[in-house]
Amino acid sequence: MTQQAQHTQHNAQQGDLANINDLSVSFMTDAGSIKAVEDVNFTIPRKTVVGVVGESGSGKSVTARSIIKLLPETATTSGAIYLSNREDTGTLDVLSLSGEQLRTMRGSQAAMVFQEPNSVLNPVYTIGWQIEEGLRAHGMKDKKELRAKAIDILKKVGIPDAETRVDYYPHQFSGGQKQRIVIAMALVLNPGLILADEPTTALDVTVQAEILDLLRLARDEFGASVLIITHNMGVVADIADEVVVMYRGHVVEQGPVEQIFYKPQHEYTQRLLAAVPRIGQHLVVRDRKGNPIERKTDWHDEPLAVKARNLSITYPGHLMQPDFKAVDGIDFEIHRSEVLGLVGESGSGKSTTGRAIAGLQKVTGGSLNVLGVEMNGVKERDFKAKRADIGFVFQDPGSSFDPLMTIAENVAEPLLVHHKFGSVAEAKNYVGDLLEMVQLPRVYMDRYPHELSGGQRQRASLARGLALKPSLLIADEPTSALDVSVQAKVLELFKRLQAEIGFACLFITHDLAVVDMLADRIMVMHKGKIVEHGDADDIIERPQNPYTQKLLASLPLPDPVKQREHRAKLHDLLAAQR
């Protein structure tokens, strides 16, 4: 019997912590009632991690928020959610609780960890004060006891020097540390259930591995159950004991993790697993006849689009702070029609490098030649003509689109700026062709960005980046926030367009599986320096630098058995590097 199967059997004997029975949730909108979740049934056993997977809009977050009745006033719920306490001495019918009863239940019985820690942490209060707030709300008054509790929980979630840092403010912590603090806030009252909504989406793979270890700690040492919502199947394989698969507001499949991964029953689960990027899985795109689409020329024979020598970029310090060197003396080249993958954790200098190539960030040292223009000391009037030859696909298309402009107006903007067309009306046919190129119907032209899904917005962003047929494209984390099924389509589309158009590309990501599918060469950055650089296959299969090894070991595999072995190797590697 496997570890997970034993776990599940043990839980069945103990009884369930939570039962969701025939849960339906509708939202009232101007266009009428929209059903987000319909007749959802599943259980959360004690001391178990339950993974809820599905694409955006499937109802995952609505279901999780329903468990602690954290829904807007426009929501109408039916069905029942029963939540037992840790001691199994009483059960709450969550949907029938009053406001006061809900306040008592939240934090002590069930607590939520949100995707974005900055939306939870108040910037004007110390993190100690914010951890203590939950304790004060549940009756603890003694200041010394409150502080001791806050320090103790910070130590347990791995915040170094907790006695001092308890008095720090949120901005003094990294993204991964902030997520640890949010988990500490959830654990401080020792609830029986932790609801984690995409807790690792915006994190690097190394930090992600640490957060998952922390959620395992919540199960194994705190004895809590964890409901984790994610679209990352590697994360599910790594941490979940049970899996619930949701699609369009319904549960289509549920069962032990190994059953879901090795013997998926539902067609949607099978499609979801097939879309997951895997190391060593080279992406091949085909035409309508089934023939592989290849680049017209070998990139090795092409001239250079970008050449950097001893490139340095420094951000000046403000308010008595020292200058910060984001990029520290790096050398690299990008050939025309080549895809160079740039990987590394947040803060390594990846995006800064990409922005410098696009002329959006000033070069402070060394040389950076982009399409024949030296960027160190360049004047805008000298570079302006080249901007039409450089496309940029941003990480978050939502923030890079003007919300008051239609998709047609947003996509047409570079065409108007560079005088290719006189108006949006003139460019309409061409914009329609661009949207069809990225597999969006022409009718989407008249829609606004908020009317498109995340994947659709990213495709529109790609259409805008390619509108001027650039010879160089900078893609900055273009798939990080996408579901695996949407990500697979965007990557396939990217590969197809790159083969057909032949643009040089800097593809920035922290997901090595994604970069392995696309890149000809891979460059690994760490703390502003390039620590490893070479052919994609060599870097993936034979990493030399300890940091690259750590990155690869931290990437969760979408296979529960292999991932257990993989995680053990990561822990051994980290122990050897200490």
Protein backbone atom coordinates (compact mmCIF):
# COMPACT_ATOMS: atom_id res chain seq x y z
CA MET A 1 0.00 0.00 0.00
CA THR A 2 1.39 3.46 -0.95
CA GLN A 3 2.00 6.25 1.57
CA GLN A 4 -0.96 8.24 0.22
CA ALA A 5 -3.29 5.24 0.29
CA GLN A 6 -2.35 4.53 3.92
CA HIS A 7 -2.94 8.19 4.75
CA THR A 8 -6.38 8.09 3.14
CA GLN A 9 -7.35 4.86 4.93
CA HIS A 10 -6.23 6.33 8.26
CA ASN A 11 -8.34 9.43 7.66
CA ALA A 12 -11.42 7.41 6.78
CA GLN A 13 -11.15 5.72 10.16
CA GLN A 14 -10.91 9.10 11.88
CA GLY A 15 -13.94 10.68 10.19
CA ASP A 16 -13.97 13.77 8.03
CA LEU A 17 -13.14 17.29 9.04
CA ALA A 18 -15.40 18.93 6.46
CA ASN A 19 -18.28 17.83 4.23
CA ILE A 20 -19.45 19.85 1.25
CA ASN A 21 -22.96 18.67 0.24
CA ASP A 22 -24.75 19.82 -2.94
CA LEU A 23 -23.09 23.26 -2.79
CA SER A 24 -24.36 25.71 -5.42
CA VAL A 25 -23.28 29.37 -5.63
CA SER A 26 -24.75 32.02 -7.95
CA PHE A 27 -23.77 35.66 -8.42
CA MET A 28 -26.21 38.40 -9.32
CA THR A 29 -24.88 40.62 -12.14
CA ASP A 30 -26.33 43.29 -14.43
CA ALA A 31 -26.79 40.55 -17.01
CA GLY A 32 -28.71 38.36 -14.54
CA SER A 33 -27.77 35.46 -12.30
CA ILE A 34 -24.56 33.54 -13.10
CA LYS A 35 -24.05 30.10 -11.57
CA ALA A 36 -20.39 29.73 -10.49
CA VAL A 37 -20.68 26.40 -8.69
CA GLU A 38 -23.36 23.74 -9.07
CA ASP A 39 -24.10 20.65 -6.93
CA VAL A 40 -20.54 20.25 -5.64
CA ASN A 41 -19.92 17.32 -3.28
CA PHE A 42 -16.66 16.25 -1.63
CA THR A 43 -15.14 15.66 1.80
CA ILE A 44 -11.96 16.85 3.47
CA PRO A 45 -10.59 14.08 5.73
CA ARG A 46 -8.62 14.90 8.87
CA LYS A 47 -4.85 15.55 8.60
CA THR A 48 -5.02 15.40 4.82
CA VAL A 49 -3.99 17.64 1.96
CA VAL A 50 -6.76 17.89 -0.64
CA GLY A 51 -5.76 19.45 -3.97
CA VAL A 52 -8.50 21.19 -6.01
CA VAL A 53 -7.50 21.61 -9.66
CA GLY A 54 -9.13 23.02 -12.74
CA GLU A 55 -8.79 25.96 -15.10
CA SER A 56 -9.71 29.57 -14.26
CA GLY A 57 -13.45 29.98 -13.89
CA SER A 58 -14.03 26.35 -12.88
CA GLY A 59 -15.27 27.39 -9.41
CA LYS A 60 -12.24 26.39 -7.30
CA SER A 61 -11.84 29.65 -5.37
CA VAL A 62 -15.61 30.14 -4.94
CA THR A 63 -15.86 26.66 -3.40
CA ALA A 64 -12.97 27.35 -1.00
CA ARG A 65 -14.33 30.75 0.03
CA SER A 66 -17.76 29.18 0.63
CA ILE A 67 -16.23 26.94 3.30
CA ILE A 68 -15.61 30.03 5.48
CA LYS A 69 -18.53 31.96 3.95
CA LEU A 70 -16.21 34.60 2.52
CA LEU A 71 -18.35 35.56 -0.48
CA PRO A 72 -19.62 38.96 -1.68
CA GLU A 73 -23.17 40.09 -0.91
CA THR A 74 -24.20 39.40 -4.51
CA ALA A 75 -23.67 35.66 -3.90
CA THR A 76 -26.55 33.26 -3.27
CA THR A 77 -25.67 29.84 -1.81
CA SER A 78 -27.58 26.61 -1.38
CA GLY A 79 -26.65 23.18 -0.07
CA ALA A 80 -24.70 22.58 3.13
CA ILE A 81 -21.12 22.78 4.41
CA TYR A 82 -20.40 20.95 7.68
CA LEU A 83 -17.16 21.76 9.49
CA SER A 84 -16.10 19.72 12.53
CA ASN A 85 -13.71 21.01 15.18
CA ARG A 86 -10.30 19.49 15.82
CA GLU A 87 -11.47 17.42 18.77
CA ASP A 88 -14.47 16.10 16.80
CA THR A 89 -16.77 17.21 19.60
CA GLY A 90 -19.01 19.44 17.50
CA THR A 91 -19.98 20.30 13.93
CA LEU A 92 -20.88 23.69 12.45
CA ASP A 93 -23.31 24.23 9.57
CA VAL A 94 -21.22 27.04 8.02
CA LEU A 95 -23.83 28.47 5.65
CA SER A 96 -26.29 29.06 8.51
CA LEU A 97 -23.84 30.88 10.84
CA SER A 98 -24.43 34.48 11.90
CA GLY A 99 -21.81 37.23 11.58
CA GLU A 100 -20.53 36.84 15.15
CA GLN A 101 -20.36 33.04 14.85
CA LEU A 102 -18.45 33.37 11.57
CA ARG A 103 -15.88 35.68 13.20
CA THR A 104 -15.34 33.11 15.93
CA MET A 105 -15.02 30.26 13.43
CA ARG A 106 -12.63 32.05 11.07
CA GLY A 107 -9.11 31.72 12.34
CA SER A 108 -9.86 29.24 15.12
CA GLN A 109 -11.59 26.49 13.04
CA ALA A 110 -10.59 27.40 9.48
CA ALA A 111 -8.16 29.98 8.06
CA MET A 112 -7.38 31.17 4.56
CA VAL A 113 -4.03 31.75 2.83
CA PHE A 114 -4.50 33.99 -0.20
CA GLN A 115 -2.58 34.03 -3.47
CA GLU A 116 -1.23 37.54 -3.11
CA PRO A 117 0.29 38.28 0.34
CA ASN A 118 0.44 42.03 -0.37
CA SER A 119 -3.36 42.12 -0.46
CA VAL A 120 -3.48 40.60 3.05
CA LEU A 121 -0.62 42.39 4.82
CA ASN A 122 -1.21 45.98 5.93
CA PRO A 123 1.86 48.07 4.97
CA VAL A 124 1.56 50.45 7.95
CA TYR A 125 1.65 47.81 10.73
CA THR A 126 4.49 45.53 11.80
CA ILE A 127 4.07 41.86 10.95
CA GLY A 128 4.14 41.05 14.68
CA TRP A 129 1.15 43.33 15.29
CA GLN A 130 -0.72 41.71 12.37
CA ILE A 131 -0.10 38.17 13.64
CA GLU A 132 -1.20 39.23 17.13
CA GLU A 133 -4.40 40.76 15.69
CA GLY A 134 -5.93 37.30 15.15
CA LEU A 135 -5.07 36.30 18.73
CA ARG A 136 -6.55 39.56 20.14
CA ALA A 137 -9.74 39.02 18.14
CA HIS A 138 -10.12 35.64 19.88
CA GLY A 139 -9.67 36.97 23.41
CA MET A 140 -5.91 36.97 24.17
CA LYS A 141 -4.96 40.23 25.94
CA ASP A 142 -1.55 39.79 27.61
CA LYS A 143 1.05 41.75 25.57
CA LYS A 144 4.03 39.56 26.54
CA GLU A 145 2.10 36.38 25.68
CA LEU A 146 0.96 37.87 22.35
CA ARG A 147 4.51 38.80 21.39
CA ALA A 148 5.88 35.38 22.44
CA LYS A 149 3.22 33.64 20.33
CA ALA A 150 4.04 35.82 17.29
CA ILE A 151 7.79 35.12 17.59
CA ASP A 152 7.17 31.39 18.10
CA ILE A 153 4.98 31.05 14.99
CA LEU A 154 7.47 33.07 12.90
CA LYS A 155 10.21 30.65 13.94
CA LYS A 156 8.02 27.68 13.01
CA VAL A 157 7.42 29.04 9.50
CA GLY A 158 11.15 29.59 9.00
CA ILE A 159 11.56 33.39 9.32
CA PRO A 160 15.20 33.91 10.42
CA ASP A 161 15.99 36.12 13.42
CA ALA A 162 12.31 36.16 14.41
CA GLU A 163 12.92 38.07 17.70
CA THR A 164 14.10 41.11 15.73
CA ARG A 165 12.08 40.75 12.55
CA VAL A 166 8.77 40.54 14.40
CA ASP A 167 9.02 44.36 14.47
CA TYR A 168 9.66 44.70 10.72
CA TYR A 169 7.13 45.98 8.20
CA PRO A 170 5.88 43.93 5.19
CA HIS A 171 8.04 45.82 2.66
CA GLN A 172 11.17 44.59 4.49
CA PHE A 173 10.51 40.98 3.46
CA SER A 174 10.84 39.12 0.15
CA GLY A 175 7.78 37.68 -1.67
CA GLY A 176 8.43 34.18 -0.33
CA GLN A 177 8.89 35.45 3.24
CA LYS A 178 5.63 37.42 3.01
CA GLN A 179 3.84 34.23 1.98
CA ARG A 180 5.39 32.49 5.02
CA ILE A 181 4.09 35.31 7.25
CA VAL A 182 0.57 34.93 5.80
CA ILE A 183 0.77 31.18 6.54
CA ALA A 184 1.94 32.03 10.09
CA MET A 185 -1.15 34.26 10.49
CA ALA A 186 -3.31 31.32 9.39
CA LEU A 187 -1.60 28.84 11.77
CA VAL A 188 -1.33 30.99 14.90
CA LEU A 189 -4.77 29.97 16.25
CA ASN A 190 -4.11 26.31 15.37
CA PRO A 191 -7.18 25.82 13.11
CA GLY A 192 -8.18 22.38 11.91
CA LEU A 193 -8.44 23.50 8.28
CA ILE A 194 -6.11 25.67 6.16
CA LEU A 195 -7.56 26.91 2.84
CA ALA A 196 -4.68 27.85 0.51
CA ASP A 197 -5.79 29.62 -2.68
CA GLU A 198 -2.99 29.46 -5.29
CA PRO A 199 -0.35 30.08 -2.57
CA THR A 200 2.62 29.48 -4.92
CA THR A 201 1.46 30.94 -8.26
CA ALA A 202 3.67 34.03 -8.31
CA LEU A 203 6.67 32.39 -6.62
CA ASP A 204 9.91 30.99 -8.00
CA VAL A 205 10.28 27.22 -7.99
CA THR A 206 12.84 27.35 -5.14
CA VAL A 207 10.54 29.44 -2.91
CA GLN A 208 7.55 27.35 -4.04
CA ALA A 209 9.26 24.19 -2.76
CA GLU A 210 9.77 25.89 0.64
CA ILE A 211 6.11 26.98 0.87
CA LEU A 212 4.93 23.45 0.02
CA ASP A 213 7.19 22.06 2.77
CA LEU A 214 5.54 24.54 5.11
CA LEU A 215 2.03 23.37 4.16
CA ARG A 216 3.18 19.78 4.73
CA LEU A 217 4.35 20.93 8.17
CA ALA A 218 0.82 22.25 8.83
CA ARG A 219 -0.50 18.72 8.18
CA ASP A 220 2.24 16.64 9.83
CA GLU A 221 3.15 18.74 12.90
CA PHE A 222 0.13 20.99 13.45
CA GLY A 223 -2.32 18.18 12.55
CA ALA A 224 -4.34 20.42 10.23
CA SER A 225 -6.08 19.50 6.99
CA VAL A 226 -5.10 21.61 3.98
CA LEU A 227 -7.29 22.42 0.99
CA ILE A 228 -4.91 23.73 -1.69
CA ILE A 229 -6.24 25.30 -4.88
CA THR A 230 -3.82 25.32 -7.78
CA HIS A 231 -3.53 24.92 -11.53
CA ASN A 232 -0.02 23.48 -11.19
CA MET A 233 -0.20 19.70 -11.49
CA GLY A 234 3.39 19.37 -10.23
CA VAL A 235 2.31 21.04 -6.97
CA VAL A 236 -0.62 18.62 -6.67
CA ALA A 237 1.67 15.61 -7.26
CA ASP A 238 4.08 16.98 -4.67
CA ILE A 239 1.75 17.71 -1.76
CA ALA A 240 -1.79 16.33 -2.22
CA ASP A 241 -3.15 13.11 -0.69
CA GLU A 242 -6.54 13.50 -2.40
CA VAL A 243 -7.47 15.39 -5.57
CA VAL A 244 -10.74 17.06 -6.62
CA VAL A 245 -10.97 18.02 -10.31
CA MET A 246 -13.39 20.85 -11.17
CA TYR A 247 -14.67 21.95 -14.57
CA ARG A 248 -17.25 24.67 -15.25
CA GLY A 249 -18.58 24.70 -11.72
CA HIS A 250 -18.86 20.91 -11.34
CA VAL A 251 -16.69 18.27 -9.70
CA VAL A 252 -15.90 15.88 -12.57
CA GLU A 253 -13.52 13.57 -10.73
CA GLN A 254 -12.08 12.98 -7.28
CA GLY A 255 -9.91 10.34 -5.65
CA PRO A 256 -6.45 9.56 -4.21
CA VAL A 257 -3.64 11.44 -5.94
CA GLU A 258 -2.11 8.37 -7.58
CA GLN A 259 -5.45 7.29 -9.03
CA ILE A 260 -6.02 10.74 -10.58
CA PHE A 261 -2.52 10.87 -12.11
CA TYR A 262 -2.17 7.26 -13.28
CA LYS A 263 -5.78 6.25 -14.00
CA PRO A 264 -7.77 9.42 -14.77
CA GLN A 265 -11.36 8.57 -15.70
CA HIS A 266 -12.80 11.83 -16.97
CA GLU A 267 -11.86 13.22 -20.38
CA TYR A 268 -11.16 16.67 -18.88
CA THR A 269 -8.69 15.24 -16.31
CA GLN A 270 -6.92 13.40 -19.12
CA ARG A 271 -6.68 16.62 -21.17
CA LEU A 272 -5.42 18.55 -18.12
CA LEU A 273 -2.64 16.05 -17.48
CA ALA A 274 -1.69 15.90 -21.17
CA ALA A 275 -1.22 19.70 -21.22
CA VAL A 276 1.32 19.75 -18.36
CA PRO A 277 4.82 20.80 -19.53
CA ARG A 278 7.48 18.22 -18.70
CA ILE A 279 11.25 18.36 -18.71
CA GLY A 280 12.64 16.76 -21.87
CA GLN A 281 9.37 17.23 -23.77
CA HIS A 282 10.39 19.21 -26.85
CA LEU A 283 7.46 21.01 -28.41
CA VAL A 284 6.81 20.13 -32.06
CA VAL A 285 4.18 22.13 -33.97
CA ARG A 286 2.60 20.78 -37.13
CA ASP A 287 0.73 22.17 -40.11
CA ARG A 288 -2.73 21.02 -41.19
CA LYS A 289 -1.23 18.05 -43.04
CA GLY A 290 0.60 16.92 -39.90
CA ASN A 291 4.09 17.93 -41.07
CA PRO A 292 6.40 19.57 -38.52
CA ILE A 293 6.79 23.35 -38.98
CA GLU A 294 10.49 24.19 -38.98
CA ARG A 295 12.38 27.48 -39.07
CA LYS A 296 13.48 28.47 -42.53
CA THR A 297 17.11 29.00 -41.49
CA ASP A 298 19.52 27.62 -38.87
CA TRP A 299 19.88 30.25 -36.15
CA HIS A 300 23.61 29.44 -35.77
CA ASP A 301 24.18 30.96 -39.24
CA GLU A 302 22.17 34.12 -38.55
CA PRO A 303 23.71 37.49 -37.59
CA LEU A 304 23.46 38.80 -34.02
CA ALA A 305 20.37 40.70 -32.92
CA VAL A 306 21.71 41.43 -29.41
CA LYS A 307 25.27 41.49 -28.05
CA ALA A 308 26.08 42.33 -24.43
CA ARG A 309 29.59 42.76 -23.01
CA ASN A 310 30.16 43.43 -19.30
CA LEU A 311 26.58 44.79 -19.12
CA SER A 312 25.73 46.46 -15.79
CA ILE A 313 22.51 48.12 -14.66
CA THR A 314 22.35 49.97 -11.35
CA TYR A 315 19.27 51.41 -9.66
CA PRO A 316 20.11 54.58 -7.70
CA GLY A 317 19.36 54.47 -3.98
CA HIS A 318 16.68 56.71 -2.46
CA LEU A 319 16.33 58.17 1.03
CA MET A 320 19.86 57.29 2.21
CA GLN A 321 19.67 53.79 0.72
CA PRO A 322 22.74 52.56 -1.23
CA ASP A 323 22.62 51.99 -5.00
CA PHE A 324 21.45 48.53 -6.07
CA LYS A 325 23.27 46.68 -8.86
CA ALA A 326 20.52 44.62 -10.55
CA VAL A 327 22.72 43.36 -13.42
CA ASP A 328 26.40 42.84 -12.71
CA GLY A 329 28.80 42.58 -15.66
CA ILE A 330 27.12 39.97 -17.88
CA ASP A 331 28.02 38.79 -21.41
CA PHE A 332 25.58 37.18 -23.83
CA GLU A 333 24.38 37.13 -27.43
CA ILE A 334 21.08 36.46 -29.19
CA HIS A 335 21.11 35.42 -32.84
CA ARG A 336 18.33 36.33 -35.22
CA SER A 337 15.64 33.57 -35.30
CA GLU A 338 17.03 32.12 -32.03
CA VAL A 339 15.06 31.63 -28.79
CA LEU A 340 17.26 32.31 -25.73
CA GLY A 341 15.66 31.22 -22.46
CA LEU A 342 16.54 33.36 -19.44
CA VAL A 343 15.78 31.71 -16.08
CA GLY A 344 16.34 32.58 -12.45
CA GLU A 345 14.43 33.51 -9.31
CA SER A 346 12.75 36.88 -8.64
CA GLY A 347 15.31 39.61 -8.15
CA SER A 348 17.98 37.88 -10.23
CA GLY A 349 17.94 40.62 -12.90
CA LYS A 350 15.99 38.81 -15.64
CA SER A 351 13.28 41.41 -16.28
CA THR A 352 15.77 44.28 -15.93
CA THR A 353 17.89 42.70 -18.69
CA GLY A 354 14.82 42.29 -20.92
CA ARG A 355 13.70 45.88 -20.32
CA ALA A 356 17.18 47.19 -21.12
CA ILE A 357 17.14 45.37 -24.48
CA ALA A 358 13.75 46.93 -25.25
CA GLY A 359 15.04 50.40 -24.38
CA LEU A 360 12.81 50.64 -21.31
CA GLN A 361 15.69 50.63 -18.80
CA LYS A 362 18.85 52.74 -18.83
CA VAL A 363 22.18 50.89 -19.21
CA THR A 364 24.71 52.15 -16.63
CA GLY A 365 27.85 50.18 -17.54
CA GLY A 366 29.44 48.02 -20.23
CA SER A 367 28.03 47.58 -23.72
CA LEU A 368 24.62 46.46 -25.01
CA ASN A 369 24.17 46.44 -28.78
CA VAL A 370 20.54 45.93 -29.90
CA LEU A 371 19.88 45.64 -33.64
CA GLY A 372 23.02 47.66 -34.35
CA VAL A 373 22.35 50.43 -31.78
CA GLU A 374 24.60 50.86 -28.72
CA MET A 375 22.23 51.28 -25.74
CA ASN A 376 24.77 52.68 -23.26
CA GLY A 377 24.24 56.42 -23.53
CA VAL A 378 21.74 56.14 -26.41
CA LYS A 379 19.49 59.12 -27.17
CA GLU A 380 15.80 58.43 -27.70
CA ARG A 381 15.85 60.09 -31.14
CA ASP A 382 18.56 57.62 -32.24
CA PHE A 383 16.68 54.58 -30.95
CA LYS A 384 13.10 55.55 -31.79
CA ALA A 385 13.24 54.12 -35.32
CA LYS A 386 14.33 50.74 -33.90
CA ARG A 387 11.41 50.49 -31.46
CA ALA A 388 9.13 49.32 -34.28
CA ASP A 389 11.47 46.35 -34.70
CA ILE A 390 11.18 45.23 -31.07
CA GLY A 391 8.08 43.55 -29.63
CA PHE A 392 7.39 43.11 -25.89
CA VAL A 393 4.96 40.64 -24.31
CA PHE A 394 4.40 41.54 -20.66
CA GLN A 395 3.81 39.14 -17.78
CA ASP A 396 0.45 40.63 -16.90
CA PRO A 397 -1.54 41.60 -20.00
CA GLY A 398 -4.26 42.97 -17.74
CA SER A 399 -2.03 45.81 -16.54
CA SER A 400 -0.40 46.41 -19.94
CA PHE A 401 -3.75 46.96 -21.72
CA ASP A 402 -5.69 50.21 -21.35
CA PRO A 403 -9.00 49.11 -19.76
CA LEU A 404 -10.87 51.96 -21.46
CA MET A 405 -9.79 50.86 -24.95
CA THR A 406 -11.18 47.94 -26.94
CA ILE A 407 -8.96 45.02 -27.86
CA ALA A 408 -8.77 46.41 -31.42
CA GLU A 409 -7.60 49.81 -30.11
CA ASN A 410 -5.02 48.20 -27.78
CA VAL A 411 -3.59 45.91 -30.47
CA ALA A 412 -3.60 48.72 -33.08
CA GLU A 413 -1.76 51.18 -30.81
CA PRO A 414 1.83 50.34 -31.96
CA LEU A 415 0.62 50.49 -35.59
CA LEU A 416 -0.67 54.04 -35.07
CA VAL A 417 2.35 55.17 -33.03
CA HIS A 418 4.70 54.05 -35.80
CA HIS A 419 2.44 55.51 -38.55
CA LYS A 420 1.67 52.21 -40.27
CA PHE A 421 -2.03 53.19 -40.28
CA GLY A 422 -3.78 56.51 -39.83
CA SER A 423 -6.61 55.27 -37.56
CA VAL A 424 -8.01 52.19 -35.80
CA ALA A 425 -10.71 51.94 -38.50
CA GLU A 426 -8.01 51.74 -41.20
CA ALA A 427 -6.11 49.10 -39.23
CA LYS A 428 -9.21 47.02 -38.41
CA ASN A 429 -8.73 44.38 -41.11
CA TYR A 430 -5.07 43.91 -40.22
CA VAL A 431 -5.89 43.73 -36.48
CA GLY A 432 -8.53 41.09 -37.28
CA ASP A 433 -5.86 39.08 -39.14
CA LEU A 434 -3.52 39.42 -36.15
CA LEU A 435 -6.18 38.15 -33.74
CA GLU A 436 -6.92 35.20 -36.01
CA MET A 437 -3.18 34.49 -36.14
CA VAL A 438 -3.22 34.06 -32.35
CA GLN A 439 -6.46 32.05 -32.56
CA LEU A 440 -8.89 34.71 -31.34
CA PRO A 441 -12.10 35.35 -33.31
CA ARG A 442 -12.47 38.74 -35.04
CA VAL A 443 -15.57 39.51 -32.96
CA TYR A 444 -13.25 39.99 -29.95
CA MET A 445 -12.00 43.23 -31.50
CA ASP A 446 -14.90 45.20 -30.06
CA ARG A 447 -14.56 43.72 -26.57
CA TYR A 448 -12.75 45.32 -23.66
CA PRO A 449 -9.81 43.64 -21.85
CA HIS A 450 -11.93 42.74 -18.79
CA GLU A 451 -14.32 40.78 -21.06
CA LEU A 452 -11.55 38.33 -22.01
CA SER A 453 -10.12 35.50 -19.91
CA GLY A 454 -6.48 35.57 -18.80
CA GLY A 455 -5.42 33.25 -21.62
CA GLN A 456 -7.32 35.28 -24.23
CA ARG A 457 -5.73 38.53 -22.98
CA GLN A 458 -2.28 36.92 -23.19
CA ARG A 459 -2.96 35.91 -26.81
CA ALA A 460 -4.10 39.47 -27.59
CA SER A 461 -0.90 40.71 -25.92
CA LEU A 462 1.11 38.40 -28.18
CA ALA A 463 -0.80 39.77 -31.22
CA ARG A 464 0.13 43.32 -30.17
CA GLY A 465 3.77 42.31 -29.61
CA LEU A 466 3.91 40.89 -33.15
CA ALA A 467 1.80 43.61 -34.85
CA LEU A 468 4.82 45.36 -36.38
CA LYS A 469 6.46 42.02 -37.38
CA PRO A 470 9.46 42.66 -35.14
CA SER A 471 12.82 41.00 -35.67
CA LEU A 472 13.28 40.83 -31.86
CA LEU A 473 10.69 39.85 -29.23
CA ILE A 474 11.07 40.09 -25.45
CA ALA A 475 8.63 37.75 -23.68
CA ASP A 476 8.66 38.42 -19.90
CA GLU A 477 7.01 35.52 -18.02
CA PRO A 478 4.18 35.36 -20.58
CA THR A 479 2.70 32.10 -19.24
CA SER A 480 3.31 32.29 -15.47
CA ALA A 481 -0.27 33.14 -14.49
CA LEU A 482 -2.02 30.82 -16.96
CA ASP A 483 -3.76 27.50 -16.45
CA VAL A 484 -1.86 24.52 -17.83
CA SER A 485 -4.39 23.98 -20.64
CA VAL A 486 -4.24 27.66 -21.70
CA GLN A 487 -0.45 27.73 -21.20
CA ALA A 488 -0.07 24.75 -23.54
CA LYS A 489 -2.04 26.59 -26.27
CA VAL A 490 -0.06 29.83 -25.81
CA LEU A 491 3.28 27.95 -25.96
CA GLU A 492 2.24 26.03 -29.08
CA LEU A 493 1.12 29.27 -30.69
CA PHE A 494 4.38 30.97 -29.72
CA LYS A 495 6.46 28.14 -31.19
CA ARG A 496 4.40 28.20 -34.42
CA LEU A 497 4.72 31.97 -34.89
CA GLN A 498 8.42 31.94 -34.07
CA ALA A 499 9.03 29.23 -36.71
CA GLU A 500 6.94 31.08 -39.31
CA ILE A 501 8.16 34.66 -38.67
CA GLY A 502 11.68 33.80 -37.48
CA PHE A 503 12.08 36.57 -34.88
CA ALA A 504 14.89 36.50 -32.31
CA CYS A 505 13.47 36.04 -28.84
CA LEU A 506 14.50 36.49 -25.22
CA PHE A 507 12.06 34.26 -23.29
CA ILE A 508 12.16 35.15 -19.58
CA THR A 509 10.69 32.63 -17.12
CA HIS A 510 11.35 30.83 -13.84
CA ASP A 511 9.78 27.59 -15.14
CA LEU A 512 12.49 25.35 -16.53
CA ALA A 513 9.96 22.92 -18.05
CA VAL A 514 8.49 25.76 -20.16
CA VAL A 515 11.86 27.07 -21.30
CA ASP A 516 12.99 23.53 -22.14
CA MET A 517 10.06 23.24 -24.59
CA LEU A 518 10.96 26.42 -26.49
CA ALA A 519 14.56 27.51 -26.06
CA ASP A 520 17.60 26.78 -28.21
CA ARG A 521 19.94 27.96 -25.46
CA ILE A 522 19.39 28.64 -21.76
CA MET A 523 21.03 31.32 -19.61
CA VAL A 524 20.71 31.06 -15.81
CA MET A 525 20.88 34.28 -13.76
CA HIS A 526 21.44 34.58 -10.02
CA LYS A 527 21.91 37.84 -8.09
CA GLY A 528 22.63 39.84 -11.24
CA LYS A 529 25.23 37.45 -12.68
CA ILE A 530 25.06 34.67 -15.29
CA VAL A 531 26.00 31.47 -13.46
CA GLU A 532 25.45 29.05 -16.36
CA HIS A 533 24.94 29.38 -20.10
CA GLY A 534 24.71 26.76 -22.86
CA ASP A 535 22.56 24.58 -25.12
CA ALA A 536 19.16 23.87 -23.64
CA ASP A 537 19.65 20.09 -23.52
CA ASP A 538 23.04 20.41 -21.79
CA ILE A 539 21.73 22.76 -19.10
CA ILE A 540 18.65 20.62 -18.42
CA GLU A 541 20.36 17.23 -18.46
CA ARG A 542 23.82 18.12 -17.11
CA PRO A 543 23.64 21.26 -14.96
CA GLN A 544 27.05 22.24 -13.60
CA ASN A 545 26.31 25.14 -11.28
CA PRO A 546 24.86 24.36 -7.80
CA TYR A 547 22.21 27.05 -8.28
CA THR A 548 21.01 25.51 -11.58
CA GLN A 549 20.93 22.11 -9.88
CA LYS A 550 18.82 23.60 -7.10
CA LEU A 551 16.42 25.20 -9.65
CA LEU A 552 15.93 21.88 -11.45
CA ALA A 553 15.53 19.94 -8.21
CA SER A 554 12.92 22.45 -6.98
CA LEU A 555 10.71 22.04 -10.07
CA PRO A 556 7.90 19.65 -9.03
CA LEU A 557 7.27 16.72 -11.37
CA PRO A 558 3.66 15.93 -12.38
CA ASP A 559 4.05 12.36 -11.15
CA PRO A 560 3.42 11.54 -7.44
CA VAL A 561 5.89 8.61 -7.16
CA LYS A 562 8.72 10.29 -9.10
CA GLN A 563 8.09 13.56 -7.24
CA ARG A 564 8.63 11.88 -3.83
CA GLU A 565 12.05 10.71 -5.02
CA HIS A 566 12.70 14.13 -6.60
CA ARG A 567 11.82 15.95 -3.34
CA ALA A 568 14.16 13.69 -1.35
CA LYS A 569 16.98 14.59 -3.79
CA LEU A 570 16.21 18.31 -3.31
CA HIS A 571 16.43 17.99 0.48
CA ASP A 572 19.76 16.09 0.12
CA LEU A 573 21.07 18.78 -2.25
CA LEU A 574 20.07 21.61 0.10
CA ALA A 575 21.66 19.78 3.06
CA ALA A 576 24.91 19.38 1.07
CA GLN A 577 24.91 23.10 0.10
CA ARG A 578 24.48 24.36 3.69
